[in-house]
Amino acid sequence: MNDCQNNPVLEALLTRRSVRKYLSKPLDPQALEAVLQAGTYAPTGMGKQSPVIVAVESPEDRQAVQALNQKARGFASDPYYGAPVILVVLADPERGTCVEDGSCVLATMMIAAHALGLATCWIHGEQEMFQLPEGKSLLEKWGLPTSLRGVGSVAIGYGDGPAPEPKPRKEDYILRV
């Protein structure tokens, strides 16, 4: 039996938390590149790699994505909590596993970011965002097919303060049969 204690992968899985307040400090480019590369190794249906990751780093595009999310979800505040970078994940809707594939990419990037000392939060609304005319225009600006479906995004940066404590795990989370 493997010794699970002191395993850095399990440690990252057990200690990662969603962070909702970020420093304005720019991300270390090497750390961001490592997170993006990790996302490309996430499992995808039949290994087809249907997702596309858009690293939104420019202030102009970040503002456009923020405004789009606010419009799609009806929020007035920054849905990305001030994170300096937004990792948008889109996928080909013709792939039957597009949502699952994109979700694996998002989760993999979040774990990789945490392992590198970065904070993240999974953000919703991308499906609605990229159905709007403004979303289609943004896809065109980025040189992507307007048929792509938004799956989700990750706010990523350096957390402003300690990560929240985990909630207790529910008692009926696991059923062994």
N, C-alpha and C. Protein backbone atom coordinates (compact mmCIF):
# COMPACT_ATOMS: atom_id res chain seq x y z
N MET A 1 0.83 -1.18 0.00
CA MET A 1 0.00 0.00 0.00
C MET A 1 0.88 1.25 0.00
N ASN A 2 0.51 2.25 -0.82
CA ASN A 2 1.29 3.48 -0.90
C ASN A 2 1.12 4.32 0.36
N ASP A 3 2.18 4.98 0.73
CA ASP A 3 2.10 5.92 1.84
C ASP A 3 1.53 7.23 1.30
N CYS A 4 0.31 7.57 1.69
CA CYS A 4 -0.37 8.76 1.17
C CYS A 4 0.03 10.03 1.91
N GLN A 5 0.61 9.88 3.08
CA GLN A 5 1.03 11.06 3.82
C GLN A 5 2.27 11.66 3.16
N ASN A 6 2.36 12.96 3.20
CA ASN A 6 3.48 13.70 2.62
C ASN A 6 3.55 13.57 1.10
N ASN A 7 2.44 13.27 0.47
CA ASN A 7 2.38 13.21 -0.98
C ASN A 7 2.00 14.61 -1.48
N PRO A 8 2.86 15.27 -2.27
CA PRO A 8 2.58 16.66 -2.65
C PRO A 8 1.32 16.82 -3.51
N VAL A 9 0.99 15.84 -4.31
CA VAL A 9 -0.23 15.94 -5.13
C VAL A 9 -1.46 15.87 -4.23
N LEU A 10 -1.50 14.88 -3.34
CA LEU A 10 -2.63 14.78 -2.42
C LEU A 10 -2.70 16.00 -1.51
N GLU A 11 -1.57 16.49 -1.08
CA GLU A 11 -1.53 17.70 -0.25
C GLU A 11 -2.16 18.88 -0.99
N ALA A 12 -1.82 19.04 -2.26
CA ALA A 12 -2.39 20.14 -3.06
C ALA A 12 -3.90 19.96 -3.22
N LEU A 13 -4.35 18.74 -3.43
CA LEU A 13 -5.78 18.48 -3.58
C LEU A 13 -6.55 18.78 -2.30
N LEU A 14 -5.96 18.45 -1.17
CA LEU A 14 -6.64 18.62 0.11
C LEU A 14 -6.57 20.05 0.66
N THR A 15 -5.64 20.85 0.19
CA THR A 15 -5.47 22.19 0.77
C THR A 15 -5.89 23.32 -0.16
N ARG A 16 -6.22 23.06 -1.40
CA ARG A 16 -6.64 24.11 -2.32
C ARG A 16 -7.98 24.67 -1.90
N ARG A 17 -8.13 25.97 -1.94
CA ARG A 17 -9.38 26.64 -1.59
C ARG A 17 -9.66 27.72 -2.61
N SER A 18 -10.92 28.06 -2.79
CA SER A 18 -11.29 29.16 -3.66
C SER A 18 -11.03 30.47 -2.93
N VAL A 19 -10.34 31.37 -3.61
CA VAL A 19 -9.96 32.67 -3.05
C VAL A 19 -10.74 33.75 -3.77
N ARG A 20 -11.27 34.68 -3.00
CA ARG A 20 -12.13 35.72 -3.57
C ARG A 20 -11.62 37.14 -3.30
N LYS A 21 -10.30 37.26 -3.14
CA LYS A 21 -9.68 38.58 -3.02
C LYS A 21 -8.22 38.44 -3.43
N TYR A 22 -7.81 39.26 -4.40
CA TYR A 22 -6.47 39.12 -4.99
C TYR A 22 -5.67 40.41 -4.89
N LEU A 23 -4.36 40.25 -4.81
CA LEU A 23 -3.45 41.37 -4.92
C LEU A 23 -3.36 41.78 -6.39
N SER A 24 -3.05 43.03 -6.66
CA SER A 24 -2.92 43.49 -8.05
C SER A 24 -1.57 43.11 -8.64
N LYS A 25 -0.73 42.47 -7.88
CA LYS A 25 0.62 42.05 -8.29
C LYS A 25 0.55 41.15 -9.54
N PRO A 26 1.37 41.48 -10.57
CA PRO A 26 1.39 40.63 -11.76
C PRO A 26 1.86 39.21 -11.44
N LEU A 27 1.38 38.27 -12.21
CA LEU A 27 1.77 36.88 -12.02
C LEU A 27 3.18 36.64 -12.54
N ASP A 28 3.89 35.75 -11.89
CA ASP A 28 5.19 35.31 -12.39
C ASP A 28 4.94 34.61 -13.73
N PRO A 29 5.56 35.07 -14.82
CA PRO A 29 5.29 34.47 -16.14
C PRO A 29 5.58 32.97 -16.21
N GLN A 30 6.62 32.52 -15.52
CA GLN A 30 6.94 31.09 -15.54
C GLN A 30 5.88 30.28 -14.81
N ALA A 31 5.37 30.81 -13.71
CA ALA A 31 4.31 30.11 -12.98
C ALA A 31 3.05 30.03 -13.84
N LEU A 32 2.68 31.14 -14.49
CA LEU A 32 1.51 31.11 -15.36
C LEU A 32 1.70 30.11 -16.49
N GLU A 33 2.87 30.09 -17.08
CA GLU A 33 3.13 29.14 -18.17
C GLU A 33 3.00 27.70 -17.68
N ALA A 34 3.48 27.43 -16.48
CA ALA A 34 3.38 26.07 -15.92
C ALA A 34 1.92 25.69 -15.70
N VAL A 35 1.10 26.63 -15.21
CA VAL A 35 -0.32 26.35 -15.00
C VAL A 35 -1.01 26.07 -16.33
N LEU A 36 -0.70 26.89 -17.34
CA LEU A 36 -1.30 26.68 -18.66
C LEU A 36 -0.88 25.34 -19.25
N GLN A 37 0.38 25.01 -19.13
CA GLN A 37 0.85 23.72 -19.64
C GLN A 37 0.16 22.57 -18.92
N ALA A 38 0.00 22.67 -17.61
CA ALA A 38 -0.69 21.62 -16.86
C ALA A 38 -2.10 21.44 -17.40
N GLY A 39 -2.78 22.54 -17.72
CA GLY A 39 -4.13 22.46 -18.27
C GLY A 39 -4.19 21.67 -19.56
N THR A 40 -3.13 21.75 -20.35
CA THR A 40 -3.12 21.00 -21.62
C THR A 40 -2.94 19.50 -21.42
N TYR A 41 -2.58 19.11 -20.20
CA TYR A 41 -2.43 17.68 -19.90
C TYR A 41 -3.63 17.11 -19.15
N ALA A 42 -4.67 17.90 -18.98
CA ALA A 42 -5.88 17.40 -18.32
C ALA A 42 -6.50 16.30 -19.18
N PRO A 43 -7.17 15.36 -18.56
CA PRO A 43 -7.83 14.32 -19.35
C PRO A 43 -8.97 14.90 -20.19
N THR A 44 -9.09 14.39 -21.40
CA THR A 44 -10.20 14.77 -22.28
C THR A 44 -10.75 13.51 -22.94
N GLY A 45 -12.01 13.54 -23.30
CA GLY A 45 -12.64 12.39 -23.93
C GLY A 45 -11.89 11.91 -25.15
N MET A 46 -11.49 10.66 -25.13
CA MET A 46 -10.75 10.02 -26.21
C MET A 46 -9.46 10.76 -26.56
N GLY A 47 -8.98 11.57 -25.63
CA GLY A 47 -7.74 12.32 -25.86
C GLY A 47 -7.85 13.35 -26.97
N LYS A 48 -9.06 13.80 -27.29
CA LYS A 48 -9.27 14.72 -28.42
C LYS A 48 -8.87 16.15 -28.12
N GLN A 49 -8.67 16.51 -26.86
CA GLN A 49 -8.21 17.84 -26.49
C GLN A 49 -9.09 18.94 -27.09
N SER A 50 -10.40 18.82 -26.88
CA SER A 50 -11.34 19.78 -27.47
C SER A 50 -11.29 21.17 -26.83
N PRO A 51 -10.87 21.32 -25.56
CA PRO A 51 -10.89 22.66 -24.98
C PRO A 51 -9.84 23.60 -25.58
N VAL A 52 -10.13 24.88 -25.42
CA VAL A 52 -9.20 25.96 -25.75
C VAL A 52 -9.08 26.80 -24.49
N ILE A 53 -7.85 27.12 -24.11
CA ILE A 53 -7.60 27.96 -22.94
C ILE A 53 -7.20 29.34 -23.43
N VAL A 54 -7.89 30.36 -22.97
CA VAL A 54 -7.53 31.73 -23.30
C VAL A 54 -7.03 32.39 -22.02
N ALA A 55 -5.75 32.75 -22.00
CA ALA A 55 -5.17 33.45 -20.86
C ALA A 55 -5.39 34.94 -21.08
N VAL A 56 -6.34 35.50 -20.36
CA VAL A 56 -6.69 36.91 -20.50
C VAL A 56 -5.79 37.71 -19.56
N GLU A 57 -4.77 38.33 -20.13
CA GLU A 57 -3.77 39.05 -19.35
C GLU A 57 -3.84 40.56 -19.56
N SER A 58 -4.22 41.01 -20.75
CA SER A 58 -4.23 42.44 -21.02
C SER A 58 -5.38 43.10 -20.25
N PRO A 59 -5.13 44.28 -19.69
CA PRO A 59 -6.19 44.98 -18.97
C PRO A 59 -7.43 45.23 -19.84
N GLU A 60 -7.23 45.52 -21.11
CA GLU A 60 -8.36 45.78 -22.01
C GLU A 60 -9.24 44.54 -22.17
N ASP A 61 -8.62 43.40 -22.44
CA ASP A 61 -9.40 42.17 -22.60
C ASP A 61 -9.98 41.71 -21.28
N ARG A 62 -9.24 41.92 -20.18
CA ARG A 62 -9.77 41.53 -18.87
C ARG A 62 -11.04 42.33 -18.58
N GLN A 63 -11.02 43.63 -18.89
CA GLN A 63 -12.19 44.48 -18.67
C GLN A 63 -13.35 44.02 -19.55
N ALA A 64 -13.06 43.63 -20.80
CA ALA A 64 -14.11 43.15 -21.71
C ALA A 64 -14.74 41.86 -21.18
N VAL A 65 -13.91 40.94 -20.67
CA VAL A 65 -14.42 39.68 -20.13
C VAL A 65 -15.23 39.95 -18.87
N GLN A 66 -14.74 40.85 -18.03
CA GLN A 66 -15.47 41.20 -16.81
C GLN A 66 -16.84 41.78 -17.15
N ALA A 67 -16.88 42.72 -18.08
CA ALA A 67 -18.15 43.35 -18.47
C ALA A 67 -19.10 42.32 -19.07
N LEU A 68 -18.55 41.40 -19.84
CA LEU A 68 -19.36 40.35 -20.46
C LEU A 68 -19.97 39.43 -19.40
N ASN A 69 -19.17 39.04 -18.40
CA ASN A 69 -19.68 38.20 -17.33
C ASN A 69 -20.73 38.94 -16.52
N GLN A 70 -20.49 40.21 -16.24
CA GLN A 70 -21.46 41.01 -15.51
C GLN A 70 -22.78 41.09 -16.26
N LYS A 71 -22.72 41.28 -17.56
CA LYS A 71 -23.94 41.36 -18.37
C LYS A 71 -24.67 40.02 -18.39
N ALA A 72 -23.92 38.95 -18.60
CA ALA A 72 -24.53 37.62 -18.71
C ALA A 72 -25.16 37.17 -17.40
N ARG A 73 -24.56 37.56 -16.28
CA ARG A 73 -25.02 37.08 -14.97
C ARG A 73 -25.75 38.13 -14.15
N GLY A 74 -25.78 39.37 -14.63
CA GLY A 74 -26.50 40.41 -13.92
C GLY A 74 -25.82 40.91 -12.67
N PHE A 75 -24.49 40.85 -12.62
CA PHE A 75 -23.73 41.33 -11.46
C PHE A 75 -23.17 42.71 -11.74
N ALA A 76 -23.02 43.50 -10.69
CA ALA A 76 -22.39 44.81 -10.83
C ALA A 76 -20.93 44.78 -10.37
N SER A 77 -20.59 43.88 -9.46
CA SER A 77 -19.22 43.83 -8.94
C SER A 77 -18.34 42.97 -9.87
N ASP A 78 -17.04 43.01 -9.61
CA ASP A 78 -16.08 42.24 -10.41
C ASP A 78 -16.26 40.75 -10.11
N PRO A 79 -16.77 39.98 -11.07
CA PRO A 79 -16.96 38.55 -10.81
C PRO A 79 -15.65 37.77 -10.69
N TYR A 80 -14.53 38.42 -11.02
CA TYR A 80 -13.21 37.77 -10.93
C TYR A 80 -12.42 38.26 -9.72
N TYR A 81 -13.07 39.00 -8.83
CA TYR A 81 -12.53 39.38 -7.53
C TYR A 81 -11.19 40.11 -7.59
N GLY A 82 -10.95 40.82 -8.68
CA GLY A 82 -9.71 41.58 -8.81
C GLY A 82 -8.50 40.78 -9.23
N ALA A 83 -8.67 39.51 -9.59
CA ALA A 83 -7.54 38.70 -10.05
C ALA A 83 -6.93 39.34 -11.30
N PRO A 84 -5.61 39.38 -11.38
CA PRO A 84 -4.98 40.04 -12.53
C PRO A 84 -5.10 39.26 -13.84
N VAL A 85 -5.34 37.96 -13.77
CA VAL A 85 -5.45 37.12 -14.97
C VAL A 85 -6.71 36.27 -14.86
N ILE A 86 -7.34 36.07 -16.01
CA ILE A 86 -8.51 35.20 -16.10
C ILE A 86 -8.19 34.13 -17.13
N LEU A 87 -8.36 32.88 -16.76
CA LEU A 87 -8.16 31.76 -17.68
C LEU A 87 -9.53 31.27 -18.12
N VAL A 88 -9.90 31.60 -19.35
CA VAL A 88 -11.19 31.22 -19.90
C VAL A 88 -11.03 29.89 -20.62
N VAL A 89 -11.93 28.96 -20.35
CA VAL A 89 -11.89 27.66 -21.03
C VAL A 89 -13.15 27.53 -21.87
N LEU A 90 -12.91 27.28 -23.15
CA LEU A 90 -13.98 27.07 -24.13
C LEU A 90 -13.77 25.68 -24.72
N ALA A 91 -14.81 25.14 -25.34
CA ALA A 91 -14.67 23.82 -25.96
C ALA A 91 -15.61 23.71 -27.15
N ASP A 92 -15.28 22.78 -28.00
CA ASP A 92 -16.06 22.50 -29.21
C ASP A 92 -17.36 21.80 -28.80
N PRO A 93 -18.51 22.44 -29.02
CA PRO A 93 -19.78 21.83 -28.60
C PRO A 93 -20.14 20.57 -29.39
N GLU A 94 -19.44 20.32 -30.49
CA GLU A 94 -19.69 19.09 -31.26
C GLU A 94 -19.14 17.86 -30.55
N ARG A 95 -18.21 18.07 -29.63
CA ARG A 95 -17.68 16.97 -28.84
C ARG A 95 -18.67 16.67 -27.72
N GLY A 96 -19.09 15.46 -27.62
CA GLY A 96 -20.06 15.07 -26.59
C GLY A 96 -19.55 15.27 -25.17
N THR A 97 -18.25 15.37 -25.01
CA THR A 97 -17.66 15.54 -23.69
C THR A 97 -17.09 16.95 -23.49
N CYS A 98 -17.61 17.92 -24.21
CA CYS A 98 -17.01 19.27 -24.16
C CYS A 98 -17.05 19.86 -22.75
N VAL A 99 -18.15 19.70 -22.02
CA VAL A 99 -18.23 20.27 -20.67
C VAL A 99 -17.32 19.50 -19.73
N GLU A 100 -17.32 18.20 -19.82
CA GLU A 100 -16.45 17.39 -18.96
C GLU A 100 -14.98 17.68 -19.26
N ASP A 101 -14.63 17.77 -20.54
CA ASP A 101 -13.25 18.06 -20.92
C ASP A 101 -12.81 19.41 -20.37
N GLY A 102 -13.64 20.43 -20.58
CA GLY A 102 -13.31 21.76 -20.09
C GLY A 102 -13.23 21.81 -18.58
N SER A 103 -14.11 21.07 -17.90
CA SER A 103 -14.09 21.03 -16.44
C SER A 103 -12.81 20.40 -15.92
N CYS A 104 -12.34 19.36 -16.59
CA CYS A 104 -11.07 18.74 -16.19
C CYS A 104 -9.92 19.72 -16.37
N VAL A 105 -9.93 20.48 -17.46
CA VAL A 105 -8.89 21.48 -17.69
C VAL A 105 -8.90 22.53 -16.57
N LEU A 106 -10.09 23.04 -16.24
CA LEU A 106 -10.21 24.04 -15.19
C LEU A 106 -9.69 23.51 -13.86
N ALA A 107 -10.12 22.32 -13.47
CA ALA A 107 -9.70 21.74 -12.20
C ALA A 107 -8.19 21.49 -12.17
N THR A 108 -7.65 21.00 -13.27
CA THR A 108 -6.21 20.73 -13.33
C THR A 108 -5.41 22.02 -13.17
N MET A 109 -5.85 23.08 -13.83
CA MET A 109 -5.13 24.36 -13.70
C MET A 109 -5.22 24.90 -12.28
N MET A 110 -6.36 24.70 -11.61
CA MET A 110 -6.51 25.19 -10.24
C MET A 110 -5.57 24.46 -9.29
N ILE A 111 -5.44 23.17 -9.45
CA ILE A 111 -4.53 22.39 -8.60
C ILE A 111 -3.08 22.78 -8.89
N ALA A 112 -2.74 22.93 -10.18
CA ALA A 112 -1.37 23.32 -10.54
C ALA A 112 -1.05 24.69 -9.96
N ALA A 113 -1.98 25.63 -10.06
CA ALA A 113 -1.76 26.97 -9.52
C ALA A 113 -1.52 26.91 -8.02
N HIS A 114 -2.34 26.15 -7.32
CA HIS A 114 -2.18 26.04 -5.87
C HIS A 114 -0.81 25.44 -5.52
N ALA A 115 -0.40 24.45 -6.26
CA ALA A 115 0.90 23.81 -6.00
C ALA A 115 2.05 24.80 -6.19
N LEU A 116 1.82 25.85 -6.99
CA LEU A 116 2.85 26.86 -7.24
C LEU A 116 2.69 28.11 -6.37
N GLY A 117 1.77 28.05 -5.42
CA GLY A 117 1.58 29.18 -4.51
C GLY A 117 0.64 30.26 -5.02
N LEU A 118 -0.11 29.97 -6.07
CA LEU A 118 -1.08 30.92 -6.61
C LEU A 118 -2.46 30.60 -6.08
N ALA A 119 -3.31 31.59 -6.07
CA ALA A 119 -4.69 31.43 -5.63
C ALA A 119 -5.61 31.43 -6.85
N THR A 120 -6.74 30.72 -6.73
CA THR A 120 -7.69 30.62 -7.83
C THR A 120 -9.12 30.58 -7.31
N CYS A 121 -10.03 30.82 -8.24
CA CYS A 121 -11.45 30.62 -7.98
C CYS A 121 -12.11 30.29 -9.32
N TRP A 122 -12.90 29.23 -9.34
CA TRP A 122 -13.66 28.84 -10.52
C TRP A 122 -14.82 29.81 -10.66
N ILE A 123 -14.98 30.38 -11.85
CA ILE A 123 -16.04 31.35 -12.11
C ILE A 123 -16.97 30.80 -13.18
N HIS A 124 -18.27 30.98 -12.96
CA HIS A 124 -19.27 30.52 -13.92
C HIS A 124 -19.76 31.67 -14.79
N GLY A 125 -20.52 31.33 -15.79
CA GLY A 125 -21.16 32.31 -16.66
C GLY A 125 -20.66 32.28 -18.08
N GLU A 126 -19.60 31.53 -18.34
CA GLU A 126 -19.01 31.55 -19.68
C GLU A 126 -19.93 30.98 -20.75
N GLN A 127 -20.75 30.01 -20.41
CA GLN A 127 -21.68 29.49 -21.41
C GLN A 127 -22.59 30.62 -21.91
N GLU A 128 -23.14 31.38 -20.98
CA GLU A 128 -24.03 32.49 -21.35
C GLU A 128 -23.24 33.63 -22.01
N MET A 129 -22.04 33.91 -21.52
CA MET A 129 -21.23 35.01 -22.03
C MET A 129 -20.96 34.87 -23.51
N PHE A 130 -20.57 33.68 -23.92
CA PHE A 130 -20.13 33.50 -25.30
C PHE A 130 -21.26 33.14 -26.25
N GLN A 131 -22.50 33.23 -25.75
CA GLN A 131 -23.67 33.17 -26.61
C GLN A 131 -24.14 34.58 -26.97
N LEU A 132 -23.71 35.57 -26.19
CA LEU A 132 -24.07 36.96 -26.45
C LEU A 132 -23.31 37.49 -27.67
N PRO A 133 -23.86 38.46 -28.38
CA PRO A 133 -23.14 39.04 -29.53
C PRO A 133 -21.76 39.57 -29.14
N GLU A 134 -21.65 40.20 -27.95
CA GLU A 134 -20.36 40.71 -27.50
C GLU A 134 -19.36 39.57 -27.27
N GLY A 135 -19.86 38.44 -26.80
CA GLY A 135 -19.00 37.27 -26.62
C GLY A 135 -18.51 36.72 -27.94
N LYS A 136 -19.40 36.66 -28.91
CA LYS A 136 -19.00 36.21 -30.26
C LYS A 136 -17.95 37.15 -30.84
N SER A 137 -18.12 38.46 -30.62
CA SER A 137 -17.15 39.44 -31.10
C SER A 137 -15.78 39.24 -30.45
N LEU A 138 -15.79 38.93 -29.16
CA LEU A 138 -14.53 38.68 -28.45
C LEU A 138 -13.84 37.44 -29.01
N LEU A 139 -14.61 36.40 -29.27
CA LEU A 139 -14.03 35.19 -29.88
C LEU A 139 -13.41 35.52 -31.23
N GLU A 140 -14.11 36.31 -32.03
CA GLU A 140 -13.57 36.72 -33.33
C GLU A 140 -12.27 37.51 -33.15
N LYS A 141 -12.26 38.44 -32.19
CA LYS A 141 -11.06 39.24 -31.91
C LYS A 141 -9.88 38.33 -31.58
N TRP A 142 -10.16 37.26 -30.82
CA TRP A 142 -9.11 36.33 -30.42
C TRP A 142 -8.76 35.32 -31.52
N GLY A 143 -9.46 35.38 -32.66
CA GLY A 143 -9.19 34.46 -33.76
C GLY A 143 -9.73 33.06 -33.53
N LEU A 144 -10.78 32.96 -32.73
CA LEU A 144 -11.38 31.66 -32.41
C LEU A 144 -12.73 31.50 -33.09
N PRO A 145 -13.14 30.26 -33.35
CA PRO A 145 -14.46 30.03 -33.93
C PRO A 145 -15.56 30.52 -32.99
N THR A 146 -16.57 31.17 -33.54
CA THR A 146 -17.67 31.67 -32.72
C THR A 146 -18.59 30.54 -32.27
N SER A 147 -18.35 29.34 -32.76
CA SER A 147 -19.16 28.20 -32.35
C SER A 147 -18.71 27.61 -31.02
N LEU A 148 -17.56 28.03 -30.50
CA LEU A 148 -17.07 27.46 -29.24
C LEU A 148 -18.04 27.77 -28.10
N ARG A 149 -18.12 26.83 -27.19
CA ARG A 149 -18.98 26.97 -26.02
C ARG A 149 -18.12 27.33 -24.81
N GLY A 150 -18.54 28.32 -24.05
CA GLY A 150 -17.85 28.65 -22.81
C GLY A 150 -18.15 27.58 -21.77
N VAL A 151 -17.11 27.10 -21.09
CA VAL A 151 -17.28 26.09 -20.05
C VAL A 151 -17.15 26.72 -18.67
N GLY A 152 -16.15 27.54 -18.48
CA GLY A 152 -15.90 28.19 -17.20
C GLY A 152 -14.62 28.97 -17.28
N SER A 153 -14.25 29.58 -16.17
CA SER A 153 -12.98 30.30 -16.13
C SER A 153 -12.39 30.20 -14.73
N VAL A 154 -11.13 30.57 -14.66
CA VAL A 154 -10.42 30.58 -13.39
C VAL A 154 -9.85 31.98 -13.18
N ALA A 155 -10.24 32.60 -12.08
CA ALA A 155 -9.56 33.81 -11.63
C ALA A 155 -8.27 33.32 -10.99
N ILE A 156 -7.14 33.93 -11.36
CA ILE A 156 -5.85 33.47 -10.85
C ILE A 156 -4.96 34.64 -10.51
N GLY A 157 -4.28 34.52 -9.39
CA GLY A 157 -3.37 35.56 -8.94
C GLY A 157 -2.81 35.19 -7.58
N TYR A 158 -2.32 36.21 -6.88
CA TYR A 158 -1.81 36.03 -5.52
C TYR A 158 -2.92 36.44 -4.57
N GLY A 159 -3.29 35.56 -3.69
CA GLY A 159 -4.35 35.85 -2.74
C GLY A 159 -4.00 36.99 -1.81
N ASP A 160 -5.00 37.81 -1.52
CA ASP A 160 -4.84 38.91 -0.58
C ASP A 160 -5.37 38.43 0.77
N GLY A 161 -4.49 37.82 1.55
CA GLY A 161 -4.87 37.27 2.84
C GLY A 161 -4.84 35.75 2.82
N PRO A 162 -5.09 35.16 3.97
CA PRO A 162 -5.04 33.69 4.05
C PRO A 162 -6.22 33.05 3.31
N ALA A 163 -6.00 31.86 2.81
CA ALA A 163 -7.08 31.10 2.18
C ALA A 163 -8.10 30.71 3.23
N PRO A 164 -9.36 30.59 2.84
CA PRO A 164 -10.38 30.21 3.81
C PRO A 164 -10.16 28.79 4.34
N GLU A 165 -10.67 28.56 5.52
CA GLU A 165 -10.61 27.22 6.11
C GLU A 165 -11.60 26.32 5.36
N PRO A 166 -11.29 25.03 5.26
CA PRO A 166 -12.23 24.12 4.57
C PRO A 166 -13.48 23.90 5.40
N LYS A 167 -14.58 23.70 4.71
CA LYS A 167 -15.80 23.30 5.38
C LYS A 167 -15.68 21.82 5.73
N PRO A 168 -16.34 21.39 6.80
CA PRO A 168 -16.31 19.95 7.12
C PRO A 168 -16.91 19.16 5.95
N ARG A 169 -16.36 17.99 5.72
CA ARG A 169 -16.89 17.13 4.66
C ARG A 169 -18.19 16.52 5.15
N LYS A 170 -19.18 16.45 4.28
CA LYS A 170 -20.46 15.88 4.67
C LYS A 170 -20.31 14.38 4.92
N GLU A 171 -21.11 13.87 5.85
CA GLU A 171 -20.96 12.48 6.27
C GLU A 171 -21.32 11.48 5.19
N ASP A 172 -22.27 11.81 4.32
CA ASP A 172 -22.70 10.84 3.31
C ASP A 172 -22.05 11.11 1.95
N TYR A 173 -20.87 11.70 1.95
CA TYR A 173 -20.18 12.03 0.71
C TYR A 173 -19.79 10.75 -0.07
N ILE A 174 -19.39 9.71 0.66
CA ILE A 174 -18.92 8.48 0.03
C ILE A 174 -19.84 7.33 0.42
N LEU A 175 -20.23 6.57 -0.55
CA LEU A 175 -21.00 5.35 -0.31
C LEU A 175 -20.18 4.18 -0.84
N ARG A 176 -19.83 3.27 -0.01
CA ARG A 176 -19.08 2.08 -0.43
C ARG A 176 -20.06 0.95 -0.61
N VAL A 177 -20.03 0.33 -1.76
CA VAL A 177 -20.95 -0.79 -2.05
C VAL A 177 -20.18 -2.02 -2.45
